[in-house]
Each structure stands twice: as C-alpha cells, then as structure tokens.
Amino acid sequence: MPKKDVEKFLEAKELVLENLEVLESWISQYEDSHIDPDYALYNEIEILMDQTQVCRSYLDLDEIIIKCREVEQNIDVWLSNHGQTQMELSWPAMER
C-alpha cells in the first residue's frame, strides 16, 4: 500500500475508534435507563475497538464500520423510543 494510502487508512481507523468511544459514552450517559441491561452493546463496542486496532485492510475496516453503524442504529432506536436524540456520527468512506 502506498504511503498516502497508509495514512488515509490510519486516519480512517482513528475516526472509527473515536466514534466507538462516543457510542460507549452514550451508553454510559444513559446507564441508569437500562439502555444496555446485559452489557451486550458495551461488549460489542469493546470487541469492535479491539478489531479496529488490529485491522490491516480496507476490507476488514469496512466490515467493522458496518457493525459499528448497526450498534449506532440500535442505540438511536432505544433513545428515540425514550424521547432522546443524538447526533449522527460520521463514518469514513472506504476508498479503494
């Protein structure tokens, strides 16, 4: 992978990690509201963070982003059902 592509890939990974931290903070913010009573979302976010850190290809990162968007959507649905809203996160577009 050319150096320019490596830099873009690393920036994309960093954005994914930042967004996962935001998702984690949303869950923590509503911890008393039973948004994640069995910690399934929290655990999924932790797994996605680990996968992102070791990921080495755009294909792998793209799969991780798909899973991240699903977690974000699950949180958004729960929040909207309880009269809350959050800003939509911006995920990296995978360029190949």
PDB file of N, CA and C in Angstrom:
ATOM      1  N   MET A   1       0.864  -1.168   0.000  1.00  0.00           N
ATOM      2  CA  MET A   1       0.000   0.000   0.000  1.00  0.00           C
ATOM      3  C   MET A   1       0.910   1.231   0.000  1.00  0.00           C
ATOM      4  N   PRO A   2       0.684   2.158  -0.933  1.00  0.00           N
ATOM      5  CA  PRO A   2       1.487   3.388  -0.957  1.00  0.00           C
ATOM      6  C   PRO A   2       1.318   4.186   0.334  1.00  0.00           C
ATOM      7  N   LYS A   3       2.334   4.997   0.630  1.00  0.00           N
ATOM      8  CA  LYS A   3       2.355   5.759   1.884  1.00  0.00           C
ATOM      9  C   LYS A   3       1.102   6.619   2.053  1.00  0.00           C
ATOM     10  N   LYS A   4       0.658   7.257   0.975  1.00  0.00           N
ATOM     11  CA  LYS A   4      -0.533   8.106   1.043  1.00  0.00           C
ATOM     12  C   LYS A   4      -1.758   7.281   1.442  1.00  0.00           C
ATOM     13  N   ASP A   5      -1.870   6.070   0.880  1.00  0.00           N
ATOM     14  CA  ASP A   5      -2.990   5.194   1.219  1.00  0.00           C
ATOM     15  C   ASP A   5      -2.903   4.717   2.664  1.00  0.00           C
ATOM     16  N   VAL A   6      -1.701   4.463   3.128  1.00  0.00           N
ATOM     17  CA  VAL A   6      -1.500   4.036   4.514  1.00  0.00           C
ATOM     18  C   VAL A   6      -1.971   5.135   5.463  1.00  0.00           C
ATOM     19  N   GLU A   7      -1.625   6.374   5.155  1.00  0.00           N
ATOM     20  CA  GLU A   7      -2.040   7.497   6.004  1.00  0.00           C
ATOM     21  C   GLU A   7      -3.560   7.625   6.033  1.00  0.00           C
ATOM     22  N   LYS A   8      -4.213   7.499   4.879  1.00  0.00           N
ATOM     23  CA  LYS A   8      -5.680   7.573   4.832  1.00  0.00           C
ATOM     24  C   LYS A   8      -6.306   6.438   5.631  1.00  0.00           C
ATOM     25  N   PHE A   9      -5.728   5.254   5.501  1.00  0.00           N
ATOM     26  CA  PHE A   9      -6.233   4.097   6.223  1.00  0.00           C
ATOM     27  C   PHE A   9      -6.110   4.304   7.732  1.00  0.00           C
ATOM     28  N   LEU A  10      -4.969   4.792   8.169  1.00  0.00           N
ATOM     29  CA  LEU A  10      -4.766   5.040   9.603  1.00  0.00           C
ATOM     30  C   LEU A  10      -5.704   6.124  10.125  1.00  0.00           C
ATOM     31  N   GLU A  11      -5.947   7.156   9.324  1.00  0.00           N
ATOM     32  CA  GLU A  11      -6.903   8.201   9.712  1.00  0.00           C
ATOM     33  C   GLU A  11      -8.309   7.629   9.824  1.00  0.00           C
ATOM     34  N   ALA A  12      -8.666   6.753   8.899  1.00  0.00           N
ATOM     35  CA  ALA A  12      -9.988   6.125   8.942  1.00  0.00           C
ATOM     36  C   ALA A  12     -10.132   5.266  10.197  1.00  0.00           C
ATOM     37  N   LYS A  13      -9.091   4.493  10.527  1.00  0.00           N
ATOM     38  CA  LYS A  13      -9.123   3.682  11.740  1.00  0.00           C
ATOM     39  C   LYS A  13      -9.285   4.559  12.975  1.00  0.00           C
ATOM     40  N   GLU A  14      -8.579   5.677  13.001  1.00  0.00           N
ATOM     41  CA  GLU A  14      -8.666   6.588  14.150  1.00  0.00           C
ATOM     42  C   GLU A  14     -10.075   7.147  14.296  1.00  0.00           C
ATOM     43  N   LEU A  15     -10.707   7.506  13.183  1.00  0.00           N
ATOM     44  CA  LEU A  15     -12.078   8.023  13.239  1.00  0.00           C
ATOM     45  C   LEU A  15     -13.035   6.952  13.747  1.00  0.00           C
ATOM     46  N   VAL A  16     -12.855   5.725  13.310  1.00  0.00           N
ATOM     47  CA  VAL A  16     -13.706   4.640  13.788  1.00  0.00           C
ATOM     48  C   VAL A  16     -13.535   4.471  15.301  1.00  0.00           C
ATOM     49  N   LEU A  17     -12.310   4.497  15.773  1.00  0.00           N
ATOM     50  CA  LEU A  17     -12.067   4.366  17.221  1.00  0.00           C
ATOM     51  C   LEU A  17     -12.687   5.522  17.998  1.00  0.00           C
ATOM     52  N   GLU A  18     -12.570   6.725  17.474  1.00  0.00           N
ATOM     53  CA  GLU A  18     -13.186   7.890  18.133  1.00  0.00           C
ATOM     54  C   GLU A  18     -14.705   7.734  18.200  1.00  0.00           C
ATOM     55  N   ASN A  19     -15.306   7.281  17.104  1.00  0.00           N
ATOM     56  CA  ASN A  19     -16.756   7.098  17.081  1.00  0.00           C
ATOM     57  C   ASN A  19     -17.191   6.011  18.054  1.00  0.00           C
ATOM     58  N   LEU A  20     -16.403   4.957  18.161  1.00  0.00           N
ATOM     59  CA  LEU A  20     -16.734   3.904  19.116  1.00  0.00           C
ATOM     60  C   LEU A  20     -16.676   4.426  20.551  1.00  0.00           C
ATOM     61  N   GLU A  21     -15.742   5.311  20.820  1.00  0.00           N
ATOM     62  CA  GLU A  21     -15.680   5.930  22.152  1.00  0.00           C
ATOM     63  C   GLU A  21     -16.920   6.778  22.406  1.00  0.00           C
ATOM     64  N   VAL A  22     -17.406   7.458  21.378  1.00  0.00           N
ATOM     65  CA  VAL A  22     -18.629   8.249  21.508  1.00  0.00           C
ATOM     66  C   VAL A  22     -19.814   7.329  21.805  1.00  0.00           C
ATOM     67  N   LEU A  23     -19.926   6.236  21.060  1.00  0.00           N
ATOM     68  CA  LEU A  23     -21.013   5.283  21.304  1.00  0.00           C
ATOM     69  C   LEU A  23     -20.961   4.755  22.736  1.00  0.00           C
ATOM     70  N   GLU A  24     -19.775   4.456  23.187  1.00  0.00           N
ATOM     71  CA  GLU A  24     -19.597   3.978  24.558  1.00  0.00           C
ATOM     72  C   GLU A  24     -20.046   5.037  25.567  1.00  0.00           C
ATOM     73  N   SER A  25     -19.737   6.288  25.281  1.00  0.00           N
ATOM     74  CA  SER A  25     -20.144   7.365  26.197  1.00  0.00           C
ATOM     75  C   SER A  25     -21.661   7.544  26.200  1.00  0.00           C
ATOM     76  N   TRP A  26     -22.301   7.341  25.051  1.00  0.00           N
ATOM     77  CA  TRP A  26     -23.765   7.430  25.014  1.00  0.00           C
ATOM     78  C   TRP A  26     -24.381   6.382  25.923  1.00  0.00           C
ATOM     79  N   ILE A  27     -23.844   5.166  25.859  1.00  0.00           N
ATOM     80  CA  ILE A  27     -24.369   4.099  26.714  1.00  0.00           C
ATOM     81  C   ILE A  27     -24.146   4.446  28.179  1.00  0.00           C
ATOM     82  N   SER A  28     -22.971   4.942  28.505  1.00  0.00           N
ATOM     83  CA  SER A  28     -22.666   5.311  29.890  1.00  0.00           C
ATOM     84  C   SER A  28     -23.569   6.433  30.375  1.00  0.00           C
ATOM     85  N   GLN A  29     -23.871   7.370  29.493  1.00  0.00           N
ATOM     86  CA  GLN A  29     -24.715   8.512  29.857  1.00  0.00           C
ATOM     87  C   GLN A  29     -26.110   8.058  30.275  1.00  0.00           C
ATOM     88  N   TYR A  30     -26.599   6.985  29.662  1.00  0.00           N
ATOM     89  CA  TYR A  30     -27.948   6.502  29.950  1.00  0.00           C
ATOM     90  C   TYR A  30     -27.925   5.174  30.709  1.00  0.00           C
ATOM     91  N   GLU A  31     -26.844   4.932  31.435  1.00  0.00           N
ATOM     92  CA  GLU A  31     -26.658   3.663  32.141  1.00  0.00           C
ATOM     93  C   GLU A  31     -27.818   3.345  33.079  1.00  0.00           C
ATOM     94  N   ASP A  32     -28.326   4.324  33.786  1.00  0.00           N
ATOM     95  CA  ASP A  32     -29.417   4.104  34.731  1.00  0.00           C
ATOM     96  C   ASP A  32     -30.752   3.880  34.035  1.00  0.00           C
ATOM     97  N   SER A  33     -30.802   4.095  32.735  1.00  0.00           N
ATOM     98  CA  SER A  33     -32.056   3.968  31.984  1.00  0.00           C
ATOM     99  C   SER A  33     -32.225   2.588  31.358  1.00  0.00           C
ATOM    100  N   HIS A  34     -31.317   1.688  31.637  1.00  0.00           N
ATOM    101  CA  HIS A  34     -31.389   0.316  31.130  1.00  0.00           C
ATOM    102  C   HIS A  34     -31.282   0.230  29.616  1.00  0.00           C
ATOM    103  N   ILE A  35     -30.476   1.109  29.020  1.00  0.00           N
ATOM    104  CA  ILE A  35     -30.255   1.043  27.580  1.00  0.00           C
ATOM    105  C   ILE A  35     -29.530  -0.244  27.212  1.00  0.00           C
ATOM    106  N   ASP A  36     -28.721  -0.745  28.123  1.00  0.00           N
ATOM    107  CA  ASP A  36     -27.897  -1.923  27.843  1.00  0.00           C
ATOM    108  C   ASP A  36     -27.820  -2.796  29.097  1.00  0.00           C
ATOM    109  N   PRO A  37     -28.961  -3.370  29.509  1.00  0.00           N
ATOM    110  CA  PRO A  37     -29.001  -4.058  30.801  1.00  0.00           C
ATOM    111  C   PRO A  37     -28.057  -5.250  30.917  1.00  0.00           C
ATOM    112  N   ASP A  38     -27.794  -5.956  29.835  1.00  0.00           N
ATOM    113  CA  ASP A  38     -26.898  -7.110  29.913  1.00  0.00           C
ATOM    114  C   ASP A  38     -25.515  -6.801  29.333  1.00  0.00           C
ATOM    115  N   TYR A  39     -25.247  -5.542  29.095  1.00  0.00           N
ATOM    116  CA  TYR A  39     -23.948  -5.058  28.592  1.00  0.00           C
ATOM    117  C   TYR A  39     -23.592  -5.597  27.207  1.00  0.00           C
ATOM    118  N   ALA A  40     -24.580  -6.032  26.446  1.00  0.00           N
ATOM    119  CA  ALA A  40     -24.314  -6.576  25.108  1.00  0.00           C
ATOM    120  C   ALA A  40     -23.754  -5.504  24.170  1.00  0.00           C
ATOM    121  N   LEU A  41     -24.362  -4.311  24.181  1.00  0.00           N
ATOM    122  CA  LEU A  41     -23.865  -3.238  23.312  1.00  0.00           C
ATOM    123  C   LEU A  41     -22.472  -2.795  23.737  1.00  0.00           C
ATOM    124  N   TYR A  42     -22.287  -2.646  25.027  1.00  0.00           N
ATOM    125  CA  TYR A  42     -20.977  -2.237  25.536  1.00  0.00           C
ATOM    126  C   TYR A  42     -19.908  -3.258  25.140  1.00  0.00           C
ATOM    127  N   ASN A  43     -20.221  -4.534  25.306  1.00  0.00           N
ATOM    128  CA  ASN A  43     -19.265  -5.584  24.949  1.00  0.00           C
ATOM    129  C   ASN A  43     -18.993  -5.591  23.449  1.00  0.00           C
ATOM    130  N   GLU A  44     -20.032  -5.377  22.651  1.00  0.00           N
ATOM    131  CA  GLU A  44     -19.856  -5.315  21.196  1.00  0.00           C
ATOM    132  C   GLU A  44     -18.940  -4.158  20.815  1.00  0.00           C
ATOM    133  N   ILE A  45     -19.107  -3.023  21.464  1.00  0.00           N
ATOM    134  CA  ILE A  45     -18.247  -1.870  21.195  1.00  0.00           C
ATOM    135  C   ILE A  45     -16.796  -2.192  21.557  1.00  0.00           C
ATOM    136  N   GLU A  46     -16.587  -2.843  22.686  1.00  0.00           N
ATOM    137  CA  GLU A  46     -15.226  -3.220  23.093  1.00  0.00           C
ATOM    138  C   GLU A  46     -14.593  -4.168  22.072  1.00  0.00           C
ATOM    139  N   ILE A  47     -15.364  -5.123  21.594  1.00  0.00           N
ATOM    140  CA  ILE A  47     -14.866  -6.059  20.578  1.00  0.00           C
ATOM    141  C   ILE A  47     -14.525  -5.307  19.296  1.00  0.00           C
ATOM    142  N   LEU A  48     -15.396  -4.382  18.891  1.00  0.00           N
ATOM    143  CA  LEU A  48     -15.146  -3.606  17.673  1.00  0.00           C
ATOM    144  C   LEU A  48     -13.909  -2.721  17.823  1.00  0.00           C
ATOM    145  N   MET A  49     -13.680  -2.195  19.014  1.00  0.00           N
ATOM    146  CA  MET A  49     -12.462  -1.413  19.252  1.00  0.00           C
ATOM    147  C   MET A  49     -11.224  -2.287  19.066  1.00  0.00           C
ATOM    148  N   ASP A  50     -11.267  -3.482  19.645  1.00  0.00           N
ATOM    149  CA  ASP A  50     -10.134  -4.400  19.506  1.00  0.00           C
ATOM    150  C   ASP A  50      -9.905  -4.777  18.051  1.00  0.00           C
ATOM    151  N   GLN A  51     -10.989  -5.073  17.337  1.00  0.00           N
ATOM    152  CA  GLN A  51     -10.874  -5.447  15.930  1.00  0.00           C
ATOM    153  C   GLN A  51     -10.321  -4.293  15.092  1.00  0.00           C
ATOM    154  N   THR A  52     -10.743  -3.087  15.407  1.00  0.00           N
ATOM    155  CA  THR A  52     -10.271  -1.918  14.665  1.00  0.00           C
ATOM    156  C   THR A  52      -8.777  -1.720  14.876  1.00  0.00           C
ATOM    157  N   GLN A  53      -8.329  -1.885  16.097  1.00  0.00           N
ATOM    158  CA  GLN A  53      -6.915  -1.682  16.398  1.00  0.00           C
ATOM    159  C   GLN A  53      -6.011  -2.653  15.652  1.00  0.00           C
ATOM    160  N   VAL A  54      -6.456  -3.869  15.430  1.00  0.00           N
ATOM    161  CA  VAL A  54      -5.601  -4.860  14.769  1.00  0.00           C
ATOM    162  C   VAL A  54      -5.888  -5.000  13.274  1.00  0.00           C
ATOM    163  N   CYS A  55      -6.912  -4.336  12.799  1.00  0.00           N
ATOM    164  CA  CYS A  55      -7.296  -4.455  11.394  1.00  0.00           C
ATOM    165  C   CYS A  55      -6.185  -3.916  10.481  1.00  0.00           C
ATOM    166  N   ARG A  56      -5.993  -4.600   9.350  1.00  0.00           N
ATOM    167  CA  ARG A  56      -4.891  -4.257   8.460  1.00  0.00           C
ATOM    168  C   ARG A  56      -5.321  -3.997   7.019  1.00  0.00           C
ATOM    169  N   SER A  57      -6.626  -4.034   6.755  1.00  0.00           N
ATOM    170  CA  SER A  57      -7.062  -3.820   5.373  1.00  0.00           C
ATOM    171  C   SER A  57      -8.353  -3.012   5.332  1.00  0.00           C
ATOM    172  N   TYR A  58      -8.560  -2.395   4.179  1.00  0.00           N
ATOM    173  CA  TYR A  58      -9.792  -1.645   3.980  1.00  0.00           C
ATOM    174  C   TYR A  58     -11.003  -2.573   4.052  1.00  0.00           C
ATOM    175  N   LEU A  59     -10.870  -3.767   3.537  1.00  0.00           N
ATOM    176  CA  LEU A  59     -11.976  -4.721   3.558  1.00  0.00           C
ATOM    177  C   LEU A  59     -12.391  -5.032   4.992  1.00  0.00           C
ATOM    178  N   ASP A  60     -11.412  -5.297   5.851  1.00  0.00           N
ATOM    179  CA  ASP A  60     -11.716  -5.567   7.260  1.00  0.00           C
ATOM    180  C   ASP A  60     -12.320  -4.350   7.940  1.00  0.00           C
ATOM    181  N   LEU A  61     -11.770  -3.184   7.663  1.00  0.00           N
ATOM    182  CA  LEU A  61     -12.284  -1.958   8.282  1.00  0.00           C
ATOM    183  C   LEU A  61     -13.705  -1.672   7.814  1.00  0.00           C
ATOM    184  N   ASP A  62     -13.982  -1.947   6.555  1.00  0.00           N
ATOM    185  CA  ASP A  62     -15.329  -1.747   6.016  1.00  0.00           C
ATOM    186  C   ASP A  62     -16.337  -2.628   6.757  1.00  0.00           C
ATOM    187  N   GLU A  63     -15.975  -3.873   7.022  1.00  0.00           N
ATOM    188  CA  GLU A  63     -16.854  -4.781   7.769  1.00  0.00           C
ATOM    189  C   GLU A  63     -17.080  -4.276   9.191  1.00  0.00           C
ATOM    190  N   ILE A  64     -16.042  -3.747   9.799  1.00  0.00           N
ATOM    191  CA  ILE A  64     -16.154  -3.194  11.149  1.00  0.00           C
ATOM    192  C   ILE A  64     -17.095  -1.996  11.150  1.00  0.00           C
ATOM    193  N   ILE A  65     -16.967  -1.137  10.160  1.00  0.00           N
ATOM    194  CA  ILE A  65     -17.824   0.056  10.072  1.00  0.00           C
ATOM    195  C   ILE A  65     -19.285  -0.341   9.935  1.00  0.00           C
ATOM    196  N   ILE A  66     -19.560  -1.377   9.168  1.00  0.00           N
ATOM    197  CA  ILE A  66     -20.942  -1.855   9.028  1.00  0.00           C
ATOM    198  C   ILE A  66     -21.492  -2.259  10.392  1.00  0.00           C
ATOM    199  N   LYS A  67     -20.704  -2.992  11.165  1.00  0.00           N
ATOM    200  CA  LYS A  67     -21.126  -3.405  12.508  1.00  0.00           C
ATOM    201  C   LYS A  67     -21.294  -2.203  13.433  1.00  0.00           C
ATOM    202  N   CYS A  68     -20.405  -1.224  13.297  1.00  0.00           N
ATOM    203  CA  CYS A  68     -20.491  -0.012  14.120  1.00  0.00           C
ATOM    204  C   CYS A  68     -21.780   0.745  13.841  1.00  0.00           C
ATOM    205  N   ARG A  69     -22.130   0.838  12.577  1.00  0.00           N
ATOM    206  CA  ARG A  69     -23.370   1.534  12.210  1.00  0.00           C
ATOM    207  C   ARG A  69     -24.587   0.813  12.773  1.00  0.00           C
ATOM    208  N   GLU A  70     -24.537  -0.513  12.827  1.00  0.00           N
ATOM    209  CA  GLU A  70     -25.636  -1.277  13.417  1.00  0.00           C
ATOM    210  C   GLU A  70     -25.760  -0.973  14.908  1.00  0.00           C
ATOM    211  N   VAL A  71     -24.632  -0.912  15.600  1.00  0.00           N
ATOM    212  CA  VAL A  71     -24.650  -0.573  17.032  1.00  0.00           C
ATOM    213  C   VAL A  71     -25.201   0.838  17.212  1.00  0.00           C
ATOM    214  N   GLU A  72     -24.731   1.772  16.384  1.00  0.00           N
ATOM    215  CA  GLU A  72     -25.232   3.148  16.466  1.00  0.00           C
ATOM    216  C   GLU A  72     -26.736   3.178  16.245  1.00  0.00           C
ATOM    217  N   GLN A  73     -27.212   2.432  15.271  1.00  0.00           N
ATOM    218  CA  GLN A  73     -28.651   2.404  14.983  1.00  0.00           C
ATOM    219  C   GLN A  73     -29.428   1.817  16.162  1.00  0.00           C
ATOM    220  N   ASN A  74     -28.918   0.765  16.784  1.00  0.00           N
ATOM    221  CA  ASN A  74     -29.593   0.183  17.952  1.00  0.00           C
ATOM    222  C   ASN A  74     -29.701   1.200  19.087  1.00  0.00           C
ATOM    223  N   ILE A  75     -28.643   1.936  19.308  1.00  0.00           N
ATOM    224  CA  ILE A  75     -28.660   2.966  20.357  1.00  0.00           C
ATOM    225  C   ILE A  75     -29.646   4.069  19.984  1.00  0.00           C
ATOM    226  N   ASP A  76     -29.623   4.496  18.729  1.00  0.00           N
ATOM    227  CA  ASP A  76     -30.546   5.548  18.269  1.00  0.00           C
ATOM    228  C   ASP A  76     -32.003   5.134  18.432  1.00  0.00           C
ATOM    229  N   VAL A  77     -32.315   3.883  18.107  1.00  0.00           N
ATOM    230  CA  VAL A  77     -33.686   3.395  18.243  1.00  0.00           C
ATOM    231  C   VAL A  77     -34.116   3.433  19.705  1.00  0.00           C
ATOM    232  N   TRP A  78     -33.248   2.943  20.592  1.00  0.00           N
ATOM    233  CA  TRP A  78     -33.586   2.955  22.009  1.00  0.00           C
ATOM    234  C   TRP A  78     -33.800   4.386  22.493  1.00  0.00           C
ATOM    235  N   LEU A  79     -32.897   5.277  22.115  1.00  0.00           N
ATOM    236  CA  LEU A  79     -33.012   6.665  22.561  1.00  0.00           C
ATOM    237  C   LEU A  79     -34.283   7.320  22.028  1.00  0.00           C
ATOM    238  N   SER A  80     -34.582   7.101  20.760  1.00  0.00           N
ATOM    239  CA  SER A  80     -35.779   7.734  20.188  1.00  0.00           C
ATOM    240  C   SER A  80     -37.048   7.183  20.831  1.00  0.00           C
ATOM    241  N   ASN A  81     -37.040   5.909  21.207  1.00  0.00           N
ATOM    242  CA  ASN A  81     -38.193   5.333  21.905  1.00  0.00           C
ATOM    243  C   ASN A  81     -38.367   5.920  23.300  1.00  0.00           C
ATOM    244  N   HIS A  82     -37.328   6.561  23.814  1.00  0.00           N
ATOM    245  CA  HIS A  82     -37.376   7.177  25.138  1.00  0.00           C
ATOM    246  C   HIS A  82     -37.272   8.697  25.066  1.00  0.00           C
ATOM    247  N   GLY A  83     -37.607   9.247  23.889  1.00  0.00           N
ATOM    248  CA  GLY A  83     -37.671  10.698  23.735  1.00  0.00           C
ATOM    249  C   GLY A  83     -36.328  11.402  23.687  1.00  0.00           C
ATOM    250  N   GLN A  84     -35.264  10.675  23.395  1.00  0.00           N
ATOM    251  CA  GLN A  84     -33.928  11.269  23.332  1.00  0.00           C
ATOM    252  C   GLN A  84     -33.400  11.194  21.903  1.00  0.00           C
ATOM    253  N   THR A  85     -32.483  12.077  21.590  1.00  0.00           N
ATOM    254  CA  THR A  85     -31.828  12.034  20.285  1.00  0.00           C
ATOM    255  C   THR A  85     -30.338  12.302  20.458  1.00  0.00           C
ATOM    256  N   GLN A  86     -29.572  11.853  19.506  1.00  0.00           N
ATOM    257  CA  GLN A  86     -28.134  12.104  19.468  1.00  0.00           C
ATOM    258  C   GLN A  86     -27.765  12.492  18.048  1.00  0.00           C
ATOM    259  N   MET A  87     -26.631  13.142  17.914  1.00  0.00           N
ATOM    260  CA  MET A  87     -26.124  13.492  16.594  1.00  0.00           C
ATOM    261  C   MET A  87     -25.691  12.218  15.878  1.00  0.00           C
ATOM    262  N   GLU A  88     -25.953  12.167  14.584  1.00  0.00           N
ATOM    263  CA  GLU A  88     -25.484  11.029  13.795  1.00  0.00           C
ATOM    264  C   GLU A  88     -23.983  11.145  13.612  1.00  0.00           C
ATOM    265  N   LEU A  89     -23.302  10.036  13.779  1.00  0.00           N
ATOM    266  CA  LEU A  89     -21.855  10.035  13.635  1.00  0.00           C
ATOM    267  C   LEU A  89     -21.458   9.962  12.164  1.00  0.00           C
ATOM    268  N   SER A  90     -20.311  10.517  11.865  1.00  0.00           N
ATOM    269  CA  SER A  90     -19.777  10.475  10.502  1.00  0.00           C
ATOM    270  C   SER A  90     -18.737   9.364  10.437  1.00  0.00           C
ATOM    271  N   TRP A  91     -18.990   8.388   9.579  1.00  0.00           N
ATOM    272  CA  TRP A  91     -18.083   7.256   9.434  1.00  0.00           C
ATOM    273  C   TRP A  91     -17.244   7.430   8.179  1.00  0.00           C
ATOM    274  N   PRO A  92     -16.029   6.934   8.174  1.00  0.00           N
ATOM    275  CA  PRO A  92     -15.170   7.092   6.989  1.00  0.00           C
ATOM    276  C   PRO A  92     -15.747   6.343   5.786  1.00  0.00           C
ATOM    277  N   ALA A  93     -15.590   6.955   4.639  1.00  0.00           N
ATOM    278  CA  ALA A  93     -15.954   6.290   3.385  1.00  0.00           C
ATOM    279  C   ALA A  93     -14.728   5.526   2.913  1.00  0.00           C
ATOM    280  N   MET A  94     -14.911   4.280   2.628  1.00  0.00           N
ATOM    281  CA  MET A  94     -13.783   3.455   2.229  1.00  0.00           C
ATOM    282  C   MET A  94     -13.458   3.678   0.761  1.00  0.00           C
ATOM    283  N   GLU A  95     -12.239   4.106   0.517  1.00  0.00           N
ATOM    284  CA  GLU A  95     -11.749   4.320  -0.833  1.00  0.00           C
ATOM    285  C   GLU A  95     -10.772   3.207  -1.169  1.00  0.00           C
ATOM    286  N   ARG A  96     -10.926   2.641  -2.323  1.00  0.00           N
ATOM    287  CA  ARG A  96     -10.022   1.550  -2.718  1.00  0.00           C
ATOM    288  C   ARG A  96      -9.317   1.913  -3.985  1.00  0.00           C
TER     289      ARG A  96
END
